[in-house]
Amino acid sequence: MSTRPILAALFAVFAATSLSSTGCIDLGEVDCTSDEQCRYDRVCSPQGYCVSPNPTGPSPIEPGPDTGPDVPEPEPAPRIAANPARLVFERIGNSDPTWRRGWRETVIRNAGTLPLRIDAVSLTGDEAFELGTPPDAGWPDELAPGESFEVRVWYGTQSSAPMSAELVVESNDPRGPFTVPVSADQNPPCIEVEPERNMVFRPQAPGERIVKEIVITNCATRSNLALRAVRLEIDSGGGFYLPEDALPERLPELSALVDPGESVVIPIVYTGRSFEWNEGEVVIETNVPDKPVIRIGLLRETDANDCPVARAGARREGSDVTVPFVRSLRAQTGETVELSGLDSVDPDGDVERYSWEIVARPEGSESALMPNTFSSTVNLPLDVPGQYLVELDVWDDQGEASCGGVSRVTVVAE
């Protein structure tokens, strides 16, 4: 008698008992040629075995939209800023050409949102530089947000060699010690411009042709002065003219070079056809470190008292002195922007009064102009992203308000 049927029966009983005791279910056939051969609602796959039509395994996670990294809100903190952000000594005038001594000053300000503790103020570098004596009360121990104090650095030497130092302010600013670079070079490129700021044209009749001259002198002793550009940038009434054939040699395609001690003359022509108010501006670009851009206002005067002209500009606080003020600026949220009205002009006098106003700001902004709204330069903290519009109005020494209305600056915080 064969034992195979008996063993097969025992194996079937054992398998069923094992599946039942382990909680598993006998799914029947695995290999198949049609869905009818599969049990428990399974189907026959193209590969020839029974599978579940709806797998019960974990579903793949669909990736969400890429919103980029989270940008944390700036935490309240003290923050040092300096204006100017560097101190540069060039030529220090003195009757004795072998001895040079002079001073430069910077304003240290708390541009943050918490009190700034001043731990130490020191100067490191060449011995030709000396830290000015602090006031009788000493350096302030603490600055509230927006408060400031002045630091003066003296420079004296009999050498014309380049020298450098660093003004160091230690505080509780979380970024660490704050430094203001200090440098001196007695032989850098140098420029003198006459007139320095404005040219006033006084026509006696409409259409009268008036020619005035801008004299540019290289005041260096050894370095060449490079005039990179000379152009008429603003001409509100179409009355001003810069003859291109009268520009220094090589301009406008290349920089014009002026030897030490030499001068060049730039003629400016006015041919206004009426007595309507108009203004212009000549822009001179140079290789002089602290005067890379010089702007000379062109004004037509007809009245006994011509009104002033408001000109406002903006740049990031702490920018190098070579960075010009512009009328439209982009900056980062949390930064502070410096606003200047020092380019405002009065044809027949001086600008005596300034008035700043924030006319538009992003929703939720509580930013205010510091330290006040009537200084020639003010600061604007950018507390939330969006567009800020600031207007400047000025008055001259005879109480006349600015011609052409206010000057507007647009700042976009990103």
Foldseek 3Di string as FASTA:
>chain_A
DDCVVVVVVVVVVVVVVVCVVVVHDPQQFFFADFQVRGPPCWTADPVGTTDRPDDPDDDDDDDDDPPDDDDDADDFFWDKFKVQLAAEAEAADDPDLLKHKDKDKMKIATQTQAKKAWDDKDKDWDPQKDWDDAPPVGDDGIHHHQDIDMTMMMGMGSDQDKTWMWIWTAIRGVVGIRIHIYIYHHADWDKDKPPQAEDEAEDPAAQDKDKDKIKIATQGDFDKKWWQDKDKDDKPQPFKDWDPVQDAPPPPVGIHIAGHGGMGMTMMMGGGRHPDWIKIKIWIAIPGVLPRIGIYIYGYDHDPFFWKAWDKFKDWGNDHNNDDGHQEEEEAAQTKMKMARVSIGTPPFAWDWKFKDWPDDDPPDPWDWPPDGIDRMIMTHRHDFAKIKMWMWIGGPVGHIHPPDIRIGIYGHD
